[in-house]
Amino acid sequence: MEWTLAILFVVSALLFIISMSKSGRASKEKQNEIDMIHMAVMNEINDVKETIRDIELDIEIVSKEAGVQISSEEKLFLREILDLYKRNYSIESIADKKQVSASEIKQLLTPYLTSKDERRKVADEI
């Protein structure tokens, strides 16, 4: 009986050691997978940052060549109203939200309104 208990204890200890080593290897493999995914995501983030930086430089070049100089506050205001317009807010609701007249909003959006209308005309002609 004592030998049986001793043998069972030794076998259970061996099985425990084998189980721990296998789980350690599996853990290392999972960690390597996580590291690879992390590296891929970081590379994608860096690519997006570079693209954004290039777009910002392109916008700066185009605005300098066009001779359009507006302050950063005006850019932010125009960006906000353009964003609202692109999300299908009406000109009146944008004016209410920004607390300016609808005619001022329409005047600021005029270049973007005409390009949208022109695309519709071209699409209708086809």
N, C-alpha and C. Protein backbone atom coordinates (compact mmCIF):
# COMPACT_ATOMS: atom_id res chain seq x y z
N MET A 1 0.82 -1.19 0.00
CA MET A 1 0.00 0.00 0.00
C MET A 1 0.87 1.26 0.00
N GLU A 2 1.94 1.21 0.78
CA GLU A 2 2.83 2.37 0.84
C GLU A 2 3.54 2.59 -0.49
N TRP A 3 3.92 1.48 -1.12
CA TRP A 3 4.58 1.61 -2.42
C TRP A 3 3.62 2.17 -3.46
N THR A 4 2.41 1.78 -3.38
CA THR A 4 1.42 2.26 -4.34
C THR A 4 1.22 3.77 -4.18
N LEU A 5 1.11 4.20 -2.93
CA LEU A 5 0.97 5.64 -2.67
C LEU A 5 2.21 6.41 -3.13
N ALA A 6 3.38 5.86 -2.90
CA ALA A 6 4.62 6.52 -3.31
C ALA A 6 4.70 6.62 -4.82
N ILE A 7 4.34 5.53 -5.49
CA ILE A 7 4.38 5.53 -6.96
C ILE A 7 3.37 6.53 -7.51
N LEU A 8 2.16 6.54 -6.94
CA LEU A 8 1.16 7.50 -7.39
C LEU A 8 1.63 8.94 -7.15
N PHE A 9 2.27 9.17 -6.02
CA PHE A 9 2.78 10.52 -5.72
C PHE A 9 3.85 10.93 -6.72
N VAL A 10 4.77 10.04 -7.06
CA VAL A 10 5.84 10.33 -8.02
C VAL A 10 5.25 10.56 -9.41
N VAL A 11 4.29 9.74 -9.82
CA VAL A 11 3.66 9.89 -11.13
C VAL A 11 2.92 11.23 -11.19
N SER A 12 2.22 11.58 -10.11
CA SER A 12 1.50 12.86 -10.11
C SER A 12 2.49 14.03 -10.16
N ALA A 13 3.61 13.92 -9.50
CA ALA A 13 4.62 14.98 -9.54
C ALA A 13 5.18 15.11 -10.95
N LEU A 14 5.44 13.98 -11.61
CA LEU A 14 5.96 14.01 -12.99
C LEU A 14 4.92 14.62 -13.93
N LEU A 15 3.67 14.23 -13.78
CA LEU A 15 2.62 14.79 -14.63
C LEU A 15 2.47 16.30 -14.38
N PHE A 16 2.62 16.70 -13.13
CA PHE A 16 2.55 18.13 -12.81
C PHE A 16 3.69 18.90 -13.48
N ILE A 17 4.89 18.36 -13.44
CA ILE A 17 6.05 19.01 -14.07
C ILE A 17 5.87 19.08 -15.58
N ILE A 18 5.40 18.01 -16.19
CA ILE A 18 5.16 18.00 -17.64
C ILE A 18 4.10 19.02 -18.01
N SER A 19 3.04 19.09 -17.23
CA SER A 19 1.96 20.04 -17.48
C SER A 19 2.46 21.48 -17.38
N MET A 20 3.28 21.76 -16.40
CA MET A 20 3.82 23.11 -16.22
C MET A 20 4.72 23.50 -17.39
N SER A 21 5.54 22.57 -17.85
CA SER A 21 6.43 22.89 -18.97
C SER A 21 5.63 23.13 -20.26
N LYS A 22 4.58 22.33 -20.49
CA LYS A 22 3.76 22.53 -21.69
C LYS A 22 3.00 23.84 -21.61
N SER A 23 2.48 24.18 -20.45
CA SER A 23 1.75 25.45 -20.33
C SER A 23 2.71 26.63 -20.47
N GLY A 24 3.95 26.46 -20.03
CA GLY A 24 4.96 27.51 -20.20
C GLY A 24 5.25 27.74 -21.67
N ARG A 25 5.38 26.65 -22.43
CA ARG A 25 5.62 26.78 -23.87
C ARG A 25 4.42 27.42 -24.57
N ALA A 26 3.22 27.00 -24.19
CA ALA A 26 2.02 27.58 -24.80
C ALA A 26 1.92 29.06 -24.46
N SER A 27 2.29 29.40 -23.25
CA SER A 27 2.27 30.80 -22.84
C SER A 27 3.27 31.62 -23.65
N LYS A 28 4.45 31.06 -23.88
CA LYS A 28 5.45 31.77 -24.69
C LYS A 28 4.97 31.94 -26.13
N GLU A 29 4.31 30.92 -26.68
CA GLU A 29 3.78 31.01 -28.04
C GLU A 29 2.70 32.09 -28.12
N LYS A 30 1.81 32.12 -27.13
CA LYS A 30 0.77 33.15 -27.11
C LYS A 30 1.40 34.54 -26.99
N GLN A 31 2.43 34.67 -26.15
CA GLN A 31 3.09 35.96 -26.00
C GLN A 31 3.76 36.38 -27.31
N ASN A 32 4.35 35.44 -28.02
CA ASN A 32 4.95 35.76 -29.32
C ASN A 32 3.88 36.22 -30.32
N GLU A 33 2.71 35.57 -30.31
CA GLU A 33 1.61 35.99 -31.18
C GLU A 33 1.17 37.41 -30.84
N ILE A 34 1.03 37.68 -29.56
CA ILE A 34 0.63 39.01 -29.12
C ILE A 34 1.67 40.04 -29.55
N ASP A 35 2.94 39.71 -29.40
CA ASP A 35 4.00 40.63 -29.81
C ASP A 35 3.96 40.90 -31.31
N MET A 36 3.70 39.87 -32.11
CA MET A 36 3.64 40.05 -33.55
C MET A 36 2.45 40.95 -33.94
N ILE A 37 1.31 40.72 -33.30
CA ILE A 37 0.14 41.55 -33.59
C ILE A 37 0.41 42.99 -33.16
N HIS A 38 1.04 43.15 -32.02
CA HIS A 38 1.37 44.49 -31.53
C HIS A 38 2.30 45.21 -32.51
N MET A 39 3.28 44.52 -33.02
CA MET A 39 4.20 45.13 -33.99
C MET A 39 3.47 45.51 -35.28
N ALA A 40 2.57 44.65 -35.73
CA ALA A 40 1.82 44.95 -36.94
C ALA A 40 0.94 46.18 -36.74
N VAL A 41 0.29 46.27 -35.60
CA VAL A 41 -0.56 47.42 -35.31
C VAL A 41 0.28 48.69 -35.21
N MET A 42 1.42 48.61 -34.57
CA MET A 42 2.29 49.78 -34.45
C MET A 42 2.78 50.24 -35.83
N ASN A 43 3.10 49.30 -36.70
CA ASN A 43 3.51 49.66 -38.06
C ASN A 43 2.38 50.35 -38.81
N GLU A 44 1.17 49.85 -38.65
CA GLU A 44 0.02 50.48 -39.30
C GLU A 44 -0.22 51.88 -38.76
N ILE A 45 -0.08 52.05 -37.45
CA ILE A 45 -0.24 53.37 -36.84
C ILE A 45 0.81 54.33 -37.38
N ASN A 46 2.03 53.88 -37.49
CA ASN A 46 3.09 54.74 -38.04
C ASN A 46 2.81 55.11 -39.50
N ASP A 47 2.29 54.15 -40.27
CA ASP A 47 1.93 54.45 -41.66
C ASP A 47 0.83 55.50 -41.73
N VAL A 48 -0.16 55.37 -40.87
CA VAL A 48 -1.26 56.35 -40.85
C VAL A 48 -0.74 57.72 -40.44
N LYS A 49 0.15 57.76 -39.45
CA LYS A 49 0.74 59.04 -39.02
C LYS A 49 1.51 59.70 -40.16
N GLU A 50 2.27 58.92 -40.90
CA GLU A 50 3.02 59.47 -42.03
C GLU A 50 2.07 59.99 -43.11
N THR A 51 1.01 59.26 -43.36
CA THR A 51 0.03 59.69 -44.36
C THR A 51 -0.63 61.00 -43.93
N ILE A 52 -1.00 61.09 -42.67
CA ILE A 52 -1.61 62.31 -42.16
C ILE A 52 -0.63 63.47 -42.26
N ARG A 53 0.61 63.24 -41.92
CA ARG A 53 1.64 64.29 -42.01
C ARG A 53 1.79 64.75 -43.46
N ASP A 54 1.80 63.80 -44.40
CA ASP A 54 1.90 64.16 -45.82
C ASP A 54 0.70 64.98 -46.27
N ILE A 55 -0.49 64.58 -45.83
CA ILE A 55 -1.70 65.32 -46.21
C ILE A 55 -1.66 66.73 -45.64
N GLU A 56 -1.23 66.87 -44.40
CA GLU A 56 -1.14 68.20 -43.79
C GLU A 56 -0.16 69.08 -44.57
N LEU A 57 0.98 68.50 -44.98
CA LEU A 57 1.95 69.27 -45.76
C LEU A 57 1.37 69.64 -47.12
N ASP A 58 0.66 68.71 -47.75
CA ASP A 58 0.03 69.00 -49.04
C ASP A 58 -0.98 70.13 -48.92
N ILE A 59 -1.77 70.09 -47.86
CA ILE A 59 -2.76 71.14 -47.64
C ILE A 59 -2.07 72.49 -47.43
N GLU A 60 -0.99 72.49 -46.68
CA GLU A 60 -0.25 73.74 -46.45
C GLU A 60 0.31 74.27 -47.76
N ILE A 61 0.85 73.40 -48.60
CA ILE A 61 1.40 73.82 -49.88
C ILE A 61 0.31 74.39 -50.77
N VAL A 62 -0.82 73.70 -50.84
CA VAL A 62 -1.92 74.16 -51.69
C VAL A 62 -2.46 75.50 -51.20
N SER A 63 -2.61 75.65 -49.89
CA SER A 63 -3.13 76.92 -49.38
C SER A 63 -2.15 78.06 -49.62
N LYS A 64 -0.85 77.79 -49.54
CA LYS A 64 0.15 78.84 -49.82
C LYS A 64 0.12 79.21 -51.29
N GLU A 65 0.04 78.22 -52.16
CA GLU A 65 0.02 78.50 -53.60
C GLU A 65 -1.25 79.21 -54.03
N ALA A 66 -2.36 78.89 -53.36
CA ALA A 66 -3.62 79.54 -53.69
C ALA A 66 -3.71 80.94 -53.10
N GLY A 67 -2.83 81.24 -52.18
CA GLY A 67 -2.83 82.56 -51.55
C GLY A 67 -3.92 82.73 -50.51
N VAL A 68 -4.44 81.63 -50.02
CA VAL A 68 -5.50 81.68 -49.01
C VAL A 68 -4.84 81.62 -47.64
N GLN A 69 -5.03 82.66 -46.88
CA GLN A 69 -4.46 82.71 -45.54
C GLN A 69 -5.59 82.95 -44.54
N ILE A 70 -5.87 81.95 -43.73
CA ILE A 70 -6.87 82.12 -42.68
C ILE A 70 -6.26 81.65 -41.36
N SER A 71 -6.76 82.20 -40.29
CA SER A 71 -6.21 81.86 -38.98
C SER A 71 -6.63 80.45 -38.59
N SER A 72 -5.97 79.94 -37.58
CA SER A 72 -6.28 78.59 -37.13
C SER A 72 -7.69 78.52 -36.55
N GLU A 73 -8.15 79.62 -35.93
CA GLU A 73 -9.52 79.64 -35.40
C GLU A 73 -10.54 79.57 -36.54
N GLU A 74 -10.25 80.30 -37.63
CA GLU A 74 -11.15 80.26 -38.79
C GLU A 74 -11.14 78.88 -39.43
N LYS A 75 -9.96 78.26 -39.49
CA LYS A 75 -9.86 76.91 -40.04
C LYS A 75 -10.68 75.94 -39.20
N LEU A 76 -10.58 76.06 -37.88
CA LEU A 76 -11.32 75.18 -37.00
C LEU A 76 -12.82 75.38 -37.17
N PHE A 77 -13.26 76.64 -37.24
CA PHE A 77 -14.68 76.94 -37.41
C PHE A 77 -15.18 76.37 -38.74
N LEU A 78 -14.42 76.59 -39.80
CA LEU A 78 -14.80 76.08 -41.12
C LEU A 78 -14.82 74.55 -41.13
N ARG A 79 -13.85 73.95 -40.49
CA ARG A 79 -13.79 72.49 -40.41
C ARG A 79 -15.02 71.94 -39.68
N GLU A 80 -15.40 72.61 -38.59
CA GLU A 80 -16.56 72.14 -37.83
C GLU A 80 -17.85 72.25 -38.63
N ILE A 81 -18.05 73.40 -39.30
CA ILE A 81 -19.30 73.54 -40.06
C ILE A 81 -19.30 72.62 -41.29
N LEU A 82 -18.14 72.42 -41.89
CA LEU A 82 -18.07 71.50 -43.02
C LEU A 82 -18.35 70.06 -42.57
N ASP A 83 -17.85 69.71 -41.40
CA ASP A 83 -18.11 68.38 -40.85
C ASP A 83 -19.60 68.19 -40.60
N LEU A 84 -20.23 69.19 -40.01
CA LEU A 84 -21.67 69.11 -39.78
C LEU A 84 -22.43 69.00 -41.10
N TYR A 85 -22.00 69.78 -42.09
CA TYR A 85 -22.67 69.74 -43.40
C TYR A 85 -22.51 68.36 -44.05
N LYS A 86 -21.31 67.80 -43.96
CA LYS A 86 -21.06 66.47 -44.56
C LYS A 86 -21.86 65.39 -43.84
N ARG A 87 -22.21 65.63 -42.58
CA ARG A 87 -23.04 64.67 -41.84
C ARG A 87 -24.52 64.97 -42.02
N ASN A 88 -24.84 65.74 -43.08
CA ASN A 88 -26.21 66.02 -43.51
C ASN A 88 -27.02 66.89 -42.55
N TYR A 89 -26.36 67.75 -41.79
CA TYR A 89 -27.08 68.75 -41.01
C TYR A 89 -27.56 69.84 -41.98
N SER A 90 -28.70 70.41 -41.72
CA SER A 90 -29.17 71.49 -42.57
C SER A 90 -28.39 72.77 -42.24
N ILE A 91 -28.39 73.68 -43.18
CA ILE A 91 -27.67 74.94 -42.98
C ILE A 91 -28.25 75.69 -41.79
N GLU A 92 -29.56 75.64 -41.63
CA GLU A 92 -30.20 76.33 -40.51
C GLU A 92 -29.79 75.72 -39.17
N SER A 93 -29.73 74.38 -39.11
CA SER A 93 -29.34 73.75 -37.84
C SER A 93 -27.87 74.01 -37.52
N ILE A 94 -27.03 74.08 -38.56
CA ILE A 94 -25.62 74.42 -38.33
C ILE A 94 -25.53 75.84 -37.81
N ALA A 95 -26.31 76.75 -38.39
CA ALA A 95 -26.30 78.14 -37.94
C ALA A 95 -26.77 78.24 -36.50
N ASP A 96 -27.80 77.50 -36.14
CA ASP A 96 -28.27 77.51 -34.75
C ASP A 96 -27.22 76.96 -33.80
N LYS A 97 -26.59 75.88 -34.22
CA LYS A 97 -25.58 75.24 -33.37
C LYS A 97 -24.36 76.15 -33.16
N LYS A 98 -23.96 76.85 -34.21
CA LYS A 98 -22.77 77.71 -34.13
C LYS A 98 -23.11 79.16 -33.78
N GLN A 99 -24.39 79.45 -33.65
CA GLN A 99 -24.87 80.77 -33.26
C GLN A 99 -24.40 81.88 -34.21
N VAL A 100 -24.55 81.59 -35.49
CA VAL A 100 -24.29 82.59 -36.54
C VAL A 100 -25.48 82.53 -37.50
N SER A 101 -25.52 83.49 -38.41
CA SER A 101 -26.65 83.54 -39.34
C SER A 101 -26.52 82.44 -40.40
N ALA A 102 -27.66 82.03 -40.90
CA ALA A 102 -27.68 81.00 -41.94
C ALA A 102 -27.01 81.49 -43.21
N SER A 103 -27.14 82.79 -43.49
CA SER A 103 -26.50 83.32 -44.70
C SER A 103 -24.97 83.25 -44.58
N GLU A 104 -24.45 83.47 -43.39
CA GLU A 104 -22.99 83.37 -43.19
C GLU A 104 -22.53 81.93 -43.38
N ILE A 105 -23.28 80.98 -42.86
CA ILE A 105 -22.94 79.56 -43.03
C ILE A 105 -22.99 79.19 -44.51
N LYS A 106 -24.03 79.66 -45.19
CA LYS A 106 -24.16 79.36 -46.62
C LYS A 106 -23.01 79.97 -47.41
N GLN A 107 -22.59 81.18 -47.02
CA GLN A 107 -21.48 81.83 -47.70
C GLN A 107 -20.18 81.04 -47.49
N LEU A 108 -19.96 80.55 -46.27
CA LEU A 108 -18.75 79.78 -46.00
C LEU A 108 -18.77 78.43 -46.72
N LEU A 109 -19.96 77.86 -46.86
CA LEU A 109 -20.07 76.55 -47.50
C LEU A 109 -20.24 76.61 -49.02
N THR A 110 -20.34 77.80 -49.57
CA THR A 110 -20.59 77.95 -51.00
C THR A 110 -19.62 77.15 -51.87
N PRO A 111 -18.30 77.20 -51.64
CA PRO A 111 -17.42 76.39 -52.51
C PRO A 111 -17.72 74.90 -52.43
N TYR A 112 -18.19 74.44 -51.30
CA TYR A 112 -18.45 73.02 -51.12
C TYR A 112 -19.84 72.66 -51.65
N LEU A 113 -20.75 73.60 -51.61
CA LEU A 113 -22.10 73.37 -52.15
C LEU A 113 -22.06 73.28 -53.67
N THR A 114 -21.29 74.15 -54.32
CA THR A 114 -21.25 74.13 -55.78
C THR A 114 -20.57 72.87 -56.28
N SER A 115 -19.54 72.41 -55.61
CA SER A 115 -18.88 71.19 -56.08
C SER A 115 -19.80 70.00 -55.94
N LYS A 116 -20.63 69.99 -54.90
CA LYS A 116 -21.58 68.91 -54.72
C LYS A 116 -22.65 68.96 -55.81
N ASP A 117 -23.14 70.17 -56.12
CA ASP A 117 -24.14 70.33 -57.17
C ASP A 117 -23.58 69.94 -58.53
N GLU A 118 -22.31 70.29 -58.78
CA GLU A 118 -21.69 69.95 -60.06
C GLU A 118 -21.59 68.45 -60.22
N ARG A 119 -21.27 67.74 -59.16
CA ARG A 119 -21.19 66.30 -59.25
C ARG A 119 -22.56 65.70 -59.56
N ARG A 120 -23.60 66.27 -58.97
CA ARG A 120 -24.95 65.79 -59.25
C ARG A 120 -25.29 66.00 -60.71
N LYS A 121 -24.94 67.19 -61.26
CA LYS A 121 -25.23 67.49 -62.66
C LYS A 121 -24.52 66.50 -63.58
N VAL A 122 -23.25 66.22 -63.28
CA VAL A 122 -22.49 65.29 -64.11
C VAL A 122 -23.10 63.90 -64.01
N ALA A 123 -23.50 63.51 -62.83
CA ALA A 123 -24.11 62.19 -62.66
C ALA A 123 -25.44 62.10 -63.39
N ASP A 124 -26.21 63.22 -63.39
CA ASP A 124 -27.50 63.22 -64.08
C ASP A 124 -27.31 63.16 -65.59
N GLU A 125 -26.23 63.76 -66.09
CA GLU A 125 -26.00 63.81 -67.53
C GLU A 125 -25.59 62.44 -68.07
N ILE A 126 -25.00 61.63 -67.25
CA ILE A 126 -24.50 60.33 -67.71
C ILE A 126 -25.59 59.36 -67.90
